[in-house]
Amino acid sequence: MVYGKSCHLIMEMKHEAYWALKFLNFDESLAGEKSKLQLLELEEMRMNAYESSRLYKEKVKAYHDKKLLKKEFKPGQQVLMFNSRLKLFPGKLKSKWFGPFIIKDVKSYGVVELLDPQSETLEKIWIVNGQRLKQYHGGNIERLNTLMHLQDI
């Protein structure tokens, strides 16, 4: 018993489906072949997309690796370290580099041990990636101070 809906028997539905196939002159085997071809085309497009994505990633990696500079550090050298926290909390006119630090040891794969000469104890050691460092060439920076006297006009 179906409330408020028309009821179709299974035989009626089979008959209507057969009638629709006959009306459209529909061949089941051709339709099956067509759907298989469509699935194969879809699979081929998906494989082409994966291949082009892989090639794009290879090109981007090669470009990025070409831009990396090989840095060689020696113990006793002075370097500046990149402050990555300033990207999160930028301040006006704040330098992204702080230091100078003295290189204590250079290890494999670009790992560098730094000594902080400004700490009270020279036991303060930083272990950082060499890509975060750049060579420090200068000593004290002389700042020019100018005095301007403002006069009432």
N, C-alpha and C. Protein backbone atom coordinates (compact mmCIF):
# COMPACT_ATOMS: atom_id res chain seq x y z
N MET A 1 0.84 -1.17 0.00
CA MET A 1 0.00 0.00 0.00
C MET A 1 0.89 1.25 0.00
N VAL A 2 0.68 2.15 -0.92
CA VAL A 2 1.46 3.36 -1.05
C VAL A 2 0.51 4.54 -0.90
N TYR A 3 0.82 5.43 0.05
CA TYR A 3 -0.06 6.56 0.33
C TYR A 3 0.22 7.71 -0.61
N GLY A 4 -0.74 8.12 -1.39
CA GLY A 4 -0.65 9.31 -2.22
C GLY A 4 0.27 9.20 -3.41
N LYS A 5 0.82 8.03 -3.69
CA LYS A 5 1.72 7.85 -4.81
C LYS A 5 1.16 6.77 -5.72
N SER A 6 1.48 6.88 -6.99
CA SER A 6 1.05 5.83 -7.89
C SER A 6 2.00 4.66 -7.77
N CYS A 7 1.49 3.46 -7.87
CA CYS A 7 2.28 2.26 -7.68
C CYS A 7 2.54 1.61 -9.04
N HIS A 8 3.80 1.25 -9.30
CA HIS A 8 4.16 0.57 -10.53
C HIS A 8 4.63 -0.83 -10.19
N LEU A 9 4.16 -1.76 -10.90
CA LEU A 9 4.62 -3.13 -10.72
C LEU A 9 5.94 -3.31 -11.48
N ILE A 10 6.70 -4.30 -11.07
CA ILE A 10 8.01 -4.54 -11.67
C ILE A 10 7.86 -4.86 -13.15
N MET A 11 6.84 -5.63 -13.52
CA MET A 11 6.61 -5.98 -14.92
C MET A 11 6.36 -4.74 -15.76
N GLU A 12 5.60 -3.79 -15.19
CA GLU A 12 5.31 -2.55 -15.91
C GLU A 12 6.60 -1.77 -16.18
N MET A 13 7.48 -1.73 -15.18
CA MET A 13 8.73 -0.97 -15.34
C MET A 13 9.63 -1.62 -16.38
N LYS A 14 9.71 -2.96 -16.39
CA LYS A 14 10.51 -3.64 -17.40
C LYS A 14 9.96 -3.38 -18.79
N HIS A 15 8.63 -3.42 -18.88
CA HIS A 15 7.98 -3.19 -20.16
C HIS A 15 8.24 -1.77 -20.66
N GLU A 16 8.18 -0.79 -19.73
CA GLU A 16 8.41 0.61 -20.13
C GLU A 16 9.87 0.81 -20.55
N ALA A 17 10.80 0.16 -19.86
CA ALA A 17 12.21 0.28 -20.24
C ALA A 17 12.46 -0.35 -21.61
N TYR A 18 11.86 -1.50 -21.84
CA TYR A 18 12.00 -2.16 -23.14
C TYR A 18 11.40 -1.30 -24.25
N TRP A 19 10.25 -0.70 -23.94
CA TRP A 19 9.58 0.15 -24.93
C TRP A 19 10.44 1.37 -25.26
N ALA A 20 11.09 1.96 -24.23
CA ALA A 20 11.94 3.14 -24.45
C ALA A 20 13.15 2.76 -25.31
N LEU A 21 13.75 1.58 -25.05
CA LEU A 21 14.88 1.13 -25.86
C LEU A 21 14.47 0.91 -27.31
N LYS A 22 13.31 0.30 -27.47
CA LYS A 22 12.83 0.02 -28.82
C LYS A 22 12.48 1.32 -29.54
N PHE A 23 11.91 2.28 -28.79
CA PHE A 23 11.51 3.56 -29.39
C PHE A 23 12.73 4.34 -29.88
N LEU A 24 13.81 4.29 -29.12
CA LEU A 24 15.01 5.04 -29.49
C LEU A 24 15.93 4.26 -30.41
N ASN A 25 15.56 3.02 -30.74
CA ASN A 25 16.37 2.15 -31.58
C ASN A 25 17.76 2.01 -30.96
N PHE A 26 17.78 1.66 -29.71
CA PHE A 26 18.96 1.64 -28.87
C PHE A 26 19.55 0.24 -28.86
N ASP A 27 20.85 0.15 -29.15
CA ASP A 27 21.53 -1.14 -29.13
C ASP A 27 22.40 -1.19 -27.87
N GLU A 28 22.16 -2.18 -27.02
CA GLU A 28 22.86 -2.28 -25.74
C GLU A 28 24.36 -2.51 -25.93
N SER A 29 24.75 -3.32 -26.89
CA SER A 29 26.18 -3.62 -27.07
C SER A 29 26.94 -2.38 -27.53
N LEU A 30 26.34 -1.58 -28.44
CA LEU A 30 27.00 -0.34 -28.86
C LEU A 30 27.12 0.66 -27.72
N ALA A 31 26.08 0.72 -26.89
CA ALA A 31 26.13 1.63 -25.74
C ALA A 31 27.21 1.20 -24.77
N GLY A 32 27.36 -0.11 -24.56
CA GLY A 32 28.42 -0.61 -23.68
C GLY A 32 29.79 -0.27 -24.21
N GLU A 33 30.00 -0.45 -25.51
CA GLU A 33 31.28 -0.10 -26.13
C GLU A 33 31.57 1.40 -26.00
N LYS A 34 30.53 2.20 -26.20
CA LYS A 34 30.71 3.66 -26.11
C LYS A 34 31.09 4.07 -24.69
N SER A 35 30.44 3.48 -23.69
CA SER A 35 30.76 3.84 -22.30
C SER A 35 32.18 3.37 -21.94
N LYS A 36 32.61 2.21 -22.46
CA LYS A 36 33.99 1.76 -22.22
C LYS A 36 34.99 2.72 -22.83
N LEU A 37 34.72 3.19 -24.05
CA LEU A 37 35.61 4.15 -24.70
C LEU A 37 35.68 5.46 -23.92
N GLN A 38 34.53 5.91 -23.41
CA GLN A 38 34.52 7.14 -22.63
C GLN A 38 35.33 6.98 -21.34
N LEU A 39 35.21 5.81 -20.70
CA LEU A 39 36.01 5.57 -19.49
C LEU A 39 37.50 5.53 -19.80
N LEU A 40 37.87 4.92 -20.93
CA LEU A 40 39.28 4.89 -21.31
C LEU A 40 39.81 6.29 -21.63
N GLU A 41 38.99 7.11 -22.29
CA GLU A 41 39.40 8.50 -22.58
C GLU A 41 39.58 9.28 -21.29
N LEU A 42 38.68 9.06 -20.33
CA LEU A 42 38.78 9.75 -19.05
C LEU A 42 40.06 9.34 -18.32
N GLU A 43 40.38 8.04 -18.35
CA GLU A 43 41.61 7.56 -17.73
C GLU A 43 42.84 8.15 -18.40
N GLU A 44 42.80 8.26 -19.74
CA GLU A 44 43.92 8.84 -20.47
C GLU A 44 44.11 10.32 -20.13
N MET A 45 43.00 11.06 -20.02
CA MET A 45 43.10 12.47 -19.64
C MET A 45 43.67 12.62 -18.23
N ARG A 46 43.27 11.72 -17.33
CA ARG A 46 43.78 11.78 -15.96
C ARG A 46 45.28 11.49 -15.94
N MET A 47 45.73 10.52 -16.72
CA MET A 47 47.16 10.20 -16.78
C MET A 47 47.96 11.35 -17.40
N ASN A 48 47.39 12.02 -18.41
CA ASN A 48 48.05 13.20 -19.00
C ASN A 48 48.17 14.33 -17.97
N ALA A 49 47.13 14.50 -17.15
CA ALA A 49 47.17 15.54 -16.12
C ALA A 49 48.26 15.24 -15.10
N TYR A 50 48.38 13.96 -14.68
CA TYR A 50 49.43 13.58 -13.73
C TYR A 50 50.81 13.82 -14.34
N GLU A 51 50.97 13.48 -15.60
CA GLU A 51 52.27 13.65 -16.27
C GLU A 51 52.64 15.13 -16.37
N SER A 52 51.68 15.96 -16.78
CA SER A 52 51.99 17.40 -16.90
C SER A 52 52.27 18.01 -15.52
N SER A 53 51.58 17.53 -14.50
CA SER A 53 51.83 18.02 -13.14
C SER A 53 53.24 17.62 -12.70
N ARG A 54 53.67 16.40 -13.01
CA ARG A 54 55.00 15.94 -12.64
C ARG A 54 56.07 16.77 -13.36
N LEU A 55 55.85 17.04 -14.66
CA LEU A 55 56.82 17.85 -15.41
C LEU A 55 56.91 19.27 -14.86
N TYR A 56 55.75 19.84 -14.50
CA TYR A 56 55.73 21.19 -13.94
C TYR A 56 56.51 21.23 -12.62
N LYS A 57 56.31 20.23 -11.77
CA LYS A 57 57.02 20.20 -10.49
C LYS A 57 58.52 20.05 -10.69
N GLU A 58 58.92 19.26 -11.68
CA GLU A 58 60.35 19.12 -11.96
C GLU A 58 60.96 20.45 -12.42
N LYS A 59 60.24 21.17 -13.28
CA LYS A 59 60.75 22.46 -13.76
C LYS A 59 60.86 23.47 -12.62
N VAL A 60 59.85 23.52 -11.75
CA VAL A 60 59.87 24.46 -10.63
C VAL A 60 61.01 24.11 -9.68
N LYS A 61 61.22 22.82 -9.42
CA LYS A 61 62.31 22.41 -8.53
C LYS A 61 63.66 22.77 -9.13
N ALA A 62 63.83 22.55 -10.44
CA ALA A 62 65.09 22.90 -11.09
C ALA A 62 65.34 24.41 -11.02
N TYR A 63 64.29 25.21 -11.22
CA TYR A 63 64.42 26.67 -11.14
C TYR A 63 64.79 27.09 -9.72
N HIS A 64 64.13 26.50 -8.73
CA HIS A 64 64.41 26.85 -7.33
C HIS A 64 65.82 26.45 -6.95
N ASP A 65 66.25 25.25 -7.35
CA ASP A 65 67.59 24.79 -7.01
C ASP A 65 68.67 25.63 -7.69
N LYS A 66 68.36 26.16 -8.89
CA LYS A 66 69.31 27.01 -9.60
C LYS A 66 69.51 28.34 -8.86
N LYS A 67 68.46 28.82 -8.18
CA LYS A 67 68.55 30.10 -7.46
C LYS A 67 69.29 29.98 -6.12
N LEU A 68 69.39 28.76 -5.58
CA LEU A 68 70.09 28.59 -4.32
C LEU A 68 71.58 28.82 -4.53
N LEU A 69 72.17 29.58 -3.65
CA LEU A 69 73.59 29.87 -3.74
C LEU A 69 74.35 28.93 -2.81
N LYS A 70 75.44 28.42 -3.30
CA LYS A 70 76.29 27.56 -2.48
C LYS A 70 77.12 28.46 -1.58
N LYS A 71 76.93 28.31 -0.28
CA LYS A 71 77.67 29.13 0.68
C LYS A 71 78.65 28.23 1.42
N GLU A 72 79.88 28.69 1.49
CA GLU A 72 80.91 27.94 2.21
C GLU A 72 81.39 28.79 3.37
N PHE A 73 81.27 28.23 4.55
CA PHE A 73 81.68 28.92 5.76
C PHE A 73 82.86 28.18 6.39
N LYS A 74 83.70 28.95 7.10
CA LYS A 74 84.87 28.40 7.77
C LYS A 74 84.82 28.80 9.24
N PRO A 75 85.34 27.98 10.13
CA PRO A 75 85.38 28.35 11.55
C PRO A 75 86.15 29.65 11.76
N GLY A 76 85.63 30.50 12.63
CA GLY A 76 86.24 31.79 12.93
C GLY A 76 85.65 32.93 12.12
N GLN A 77 84.88 32.63 11.10
CA GLN A 77 84.26 33.67 10.27
C GLN A 77 83.11 34.32 11.03
N GLN A 78 82.83 35.58 10.70
CA GLN A 78 81.68 36.26 11.28
C GLN A 78 80.52 36.23 10.30
N VAL A 79 79.31 35.93 10.82
CA VAL A 79 78.12 35.82 9.97
C VAL A 79 76.94 36.51 10.64
N LEU A 80 75.94 36.82 9.82
CA LEU A 80 74.65 37.32 10.31
C LEU A 80 73.62 36.21 10.12
N MET A 81 72.65 36.13 11.04
CA MET A 81 71.62 35.11 10.96
C MET A 81 70.28 35.75 10.64
N PHE A 82 69.52 35.11 9.74
CA PHE A 82 68.20 35.61 9.34
C PHE A 82 67.20 35.37 10.45
N ASN A 83 66.45 36.41 10.80
CA ASN A 83 65.44 36.31 11.85
C ASN A 83 64.10 35.98 11.19
N SER A 84 63.71 34.72 11.22
CA SER A 84 62.49 34.29 10.53
C SER A 84 61.24 34.73 11.28
N ARG A 85 61.34 35.11 12.53
CA ARG A 85 60.16 35.54 13.27
C ARG A 85 59.68 36.92 12.85
N LEU A 86 60.57 37.70 12.23
CA LEU A 86 60.15 39.03 11.80
C LEU A 86 59.15 38.97 10.65
N LYS A 87 59.07 37.83 9.95
CA LYS A 87 58.06 37.69 8.90
C LYS A 87 56.68 37.64 9.52
N LEU A 88 56.58 37.06 10.71
CA LEU A 88 55.29 36.95 11.37
C LEU A 88 54.88 38.25 12.03
N PHE A 89 55.84 38.95 12.64
CA PHE A 89 55.56 40.20 13.34
C PHE A 89 56.47 41.29 12.80
N PRO A 90 56.19 41.81 11.62
CA PRO A 90 57.11 42.80 11.04
C PRO A 90 57.04 44.13 11.80
N GLY A 91 58.16 44.77 11.90
CA GLY A 91 58.23 46.07 12.52
C GLY A 91 58.85 47.05 11.54
N LYS A 92 58.52 48.31 11.70
CA LYS A 92 59.08 49.31 10.79
C LYS A 92 60.58 49.41 10.99
N LEU A 93 61.29 49.41 9.91
CA LEU A 93 62.73 49.62 9.86
C LEU A 93 63.53 48.62 10.70
N LYS A 94 62.96 47.47 11.00
CA LYS A 94 63.70 46.44 11.72
C LYS A 94 64.44 45.58 10.71
N SER A 95 65.67 45.27 11.03
CA SER A 95 66.47 44.43 10.15
C SER A 95 66.05 42.98 10.32
N LYS A 96 66.06 42.25 9.21
CA LYS A 96 65.74 40.83 9.27
C LYS A 96 66.95 40.01 9.70
N TRP A 97 68.10 40.63 9.75
CA TRP A 97 69.35 39.94 10.09
C TRP A 97 69.82 40.41 11.46
N PHE A 98 70.28 39.49 12.28
CA PHE A 98 70.85 39.91 13.55
C PHE A 98 72.14 39.15 13.80
N GLY A 99 72.95 39.74 14.63
CA GLY A 99 74.27 39.17 14.87
C GLY A 99 75.25 40.32 15.05
N PRO A 100 76.49 40.18 14.82
CA PRO A 100 77.20 39.08 14.17
C PRO A 100 77.48 37.94 15.14
N PHE A 101 77.61 36.76 14.58
CA PHE A 101 77.97 35.56 15.31
C PHE A 101 79.30 35.05 14.76
N ILE A 102 79.97 34.24 15.55
CA ILE A 102 81.24 33.64 15.13
C ILE A 102 81.00 32.15 14.90
N ILE A 103 81.48 31.66 13.78
CA ILE A 103 81.29 30.25 13.45
C ILE A 103 82.25 29.41 14.27
N LYS A 104 81.68 28.45 15.01
CA LYS A 104 82.50 27.53 15.81
C LYS A 104 82.87 26.30 14.99
N ASP A 105 81.87 25.73 14.30
CA ASP A 105 82.11 24.49 13.55
C ASP A 105 81.13 24.40 12.39
N VAL A 106 81.59 23.82 11.29
CA VAL A 106 80.74 23.57 10.13
C VAL A 106 80.62 22.07 9.99
N LYS A 107 79.36 21.59 9.99
CA LYS A 107 79.13 20.15 9.91
C LYS A 107 78.57 19.81 8.54
N SER A 108 78.29 18.54 8.35
CA SER A 108 77.79 18.09 7.04
C SER A 108 76.37 18.59 6.79
N TYR A 109 75.99 18.62 5.52
CA TYR A 109 74.66 19.02 5.05
C TYR A 109 74.31 20.45 5.43
N GLY A 110 75.29 21.32 5.57
CA GLY A 110 75.04 22.75 5.77
C GLY A 110 74.72 23.15 7.19
N VAL A 111 74.94 22.28 8.17
CA VAL A 111 74.68 22.62 9.57
C VAL A 111 75.88 23.38 10.11
N VAL A 112 75.58 24.51 10.79
CA VAL A 112 76.64 25.38 11.30
C VAL A 112 76.39 25.64 12.79
N GLU A 113 77.46 25.56 13.58
CA GLU A 113 77.40 25.92 15.00
C GLU A 113 77.93 27.34 15.16
N LEU A 114 77.14 28.18 15.84
CA LEU A 114 77.52 29.58 16.02
C LEU A 114 77.73 29.88 17.49
N LEU A 115 78.69 30.77 17.76
CA LEU A 115 78.91 31.31 19.10
C LEU A 115 78.37 32.73 19.13
N ASP A 116 77.71 33.07 20.21
CA ASP A 116 77.20 34.43 20.37
C ASP A 116 78.19 35.22 21.22
N PRO A 117 78.96 36.13 20.63
CA PRO A 117 79.98 36.85 21.41
C PRO A 117 79.37 37.87 22.38
N GLN A 118 78.12 38.22 22.22
CA GLN A 118 77.51 39.23 23.08
C GLN A 118 76.90 38.63 24.35
N SER A 119 76.84 37.30 24.44
CA SER A 119 76.29 36.69 25.65
C SER A 119 77.32 36.75 26.77
N GLU A 120 76.83 36.63 28.01
CA GLU A 120 77.72 36.71 29.17
C GLU A 120 78.71 35.55 29.17
N THR A 121 78.18 34.36 28.90
CA THR A 121 79.05 33.19 28.82
C THR A 121 79.21 32.81 27.36
N LEU A 122 80.39 32.42 26.99
CA LEU A 122 80.63 32.04 25.60
C LEU A 122 80.14 30.63 25.31
N GLU A 123 79.38 30.06 26.24
CA GLU A 123 78.85 28.72 26.04
C GLU A 123 77.53 28.76 25.26
N LYS A 124 77.05 29.94 24.92
CA LYS A 124 75.79 30.06 24.17
C LYS A 124 76.06 29.67 22.72
N ILE A 125 75.57 28.50 22.30
CA ILE A 125 75.83 27.98 20.97
C ILE A 125 74.49 27.83 20.23
N TRP A 126 74.47 28.30 19.01
CA TRP A 126 73.30 28.16 18.14
C TRP A 126 73.65 27.14 17.06
N ILE A 127 72.75 26.23 16.77
CA ILE A 127 72.93 25.28 15.68
C ILE A 127 71.87 25.61 14.63
N VAL A 128 72.31 26.07 13.45
CA VAL A 128 71.37 26.55 12.43
C VAL A 128 71.73 25.99 11.06
N ASN A 129 70.78 26.13 10.16
CA ASN A 129 71.00 25.77 8.76
C ASN A 129 71.83 26.86 8.10
N GLY A 130 72.77 26.47 7.26
CA GLY A 130 73.65 27.43 6.60
C GLY A 130 72.92 28.35 5.64
N GLN A 131 71.72 27.96 5.17
CA GLN A 131 70.95 28.83 4.28
C GLN A 131 70.41 30.06 5.00
N ARG A 132 70.37 30.02 6.33
CA ARG A 132 69.89 31.16 7.11
C ARG A 132 70.99 32.16 7.43
N LEU A 133 72.20 31.91 6.94
CA LEU A 133 73.34 32.76 7.29
C LEU A 133 73.85 33.51 6.07
N LYS A 134 74.46 34.66 6.33
CA LYS A 134 75.22 35.35 5.30
C LYS A 134 76.46 35.94 5.95
N GLN A 135 77.49 36.09 5.15
CA GLN A 135 78.78 36.55 5.66
C GLN A 135 78.69 38.00 6.10
N TYR A 136 79.34 38.29 7.23
CA TYR A 136 79.38 39.65 7.78
C TYR A 136 80.73 40.25 7.42
N HIS A 137 80.71 41.36 6.68
CA HIS A 137 81.95 41.95 6.17
C HIS A 137 82.41 43.16 6.97
N GLY A 138 81.55 43.77 7.73
CA GLY A 138 81.90 45.06 8.31
C GLY A 138 82.13 45.01 9.80
N GLY A 139 82.60 46.13 10.28
CA GLY A 139 82.78 46.31 11.72
C GLY A 139 81.66 47.18 12.23
N ASN A 140 82.03 48.25 12.92
CA ASN A 140 81.02 49.18 13.43
C ASN A 140 80.53 50.07 12.31
N ILE A 141 79.26 50.35 12.33
CA ILE A 141 78.67 51.22 11.32
C ILE A 141 78.62 52.63 11.89
N GLU A 142 79.22 53.58 11.17
CA GLU A 142 79.19 54.97 11.61
C GLU A 142 77.92 55.62 11.08
N ARG A 143 77.18 56.16 11.98
CA ARG A 143 75.94 56.82 11.59
C ARG A 143 76.19 58.32 11.57
N LEU A 144 75.68 58.98 10.54
CA LEU A 144 75.84 60.43 10.43
C LEU A 144 74.73 61.10 11.22
N ASN A 145 75.11 61.98 12.08
CA ASN A 145 74.13 62.74 12.85
C ASN A 145 74.15 64.17 12.34
N THR A 146 72.99 64.68 12.07
CA THR A 146 72.90 66.07 11.63
C THR A 146 71.97 66.82 12.56
N LEU A 147 72.33 68.04 12.81
CA LEU A 147 71.50 68.91 13.64
C LEU A 147 70.85 69.95 12.77
N MET A 148 69.56 70.12 12.95
CA MET A 148 68.85 71.17 12.20
C MET A 148 68.19 72.10 13.21
N HIS A 149 68.51 73.38 13.12
CA HIS A 149 67.90 74.36 13.99
C HIS A 149 66.70 74.95 13.28
N LEU A 150 65.56 74.82 13.90
CA LEU A 150 64.34 75.38 13.32
C LEU A 150 64.17 76.82 13.81
N GLN A 151 63.90 77.68 12.89
CA GLN A 151 63.72 79.07 13.25
C GLN A 151 62.28 79.49 12.92
N ASP A 152 61.82 80.43 13.67
CA ASP A 152 60.48 81.00 13.37
C ASP A 152 60.62 81.96 12.21
N ILE A 153 59.75 81.84 11.28
CA ILE A 153 59.82 82.73 10.11
C ILE A 153 58.97 83.94 10.31
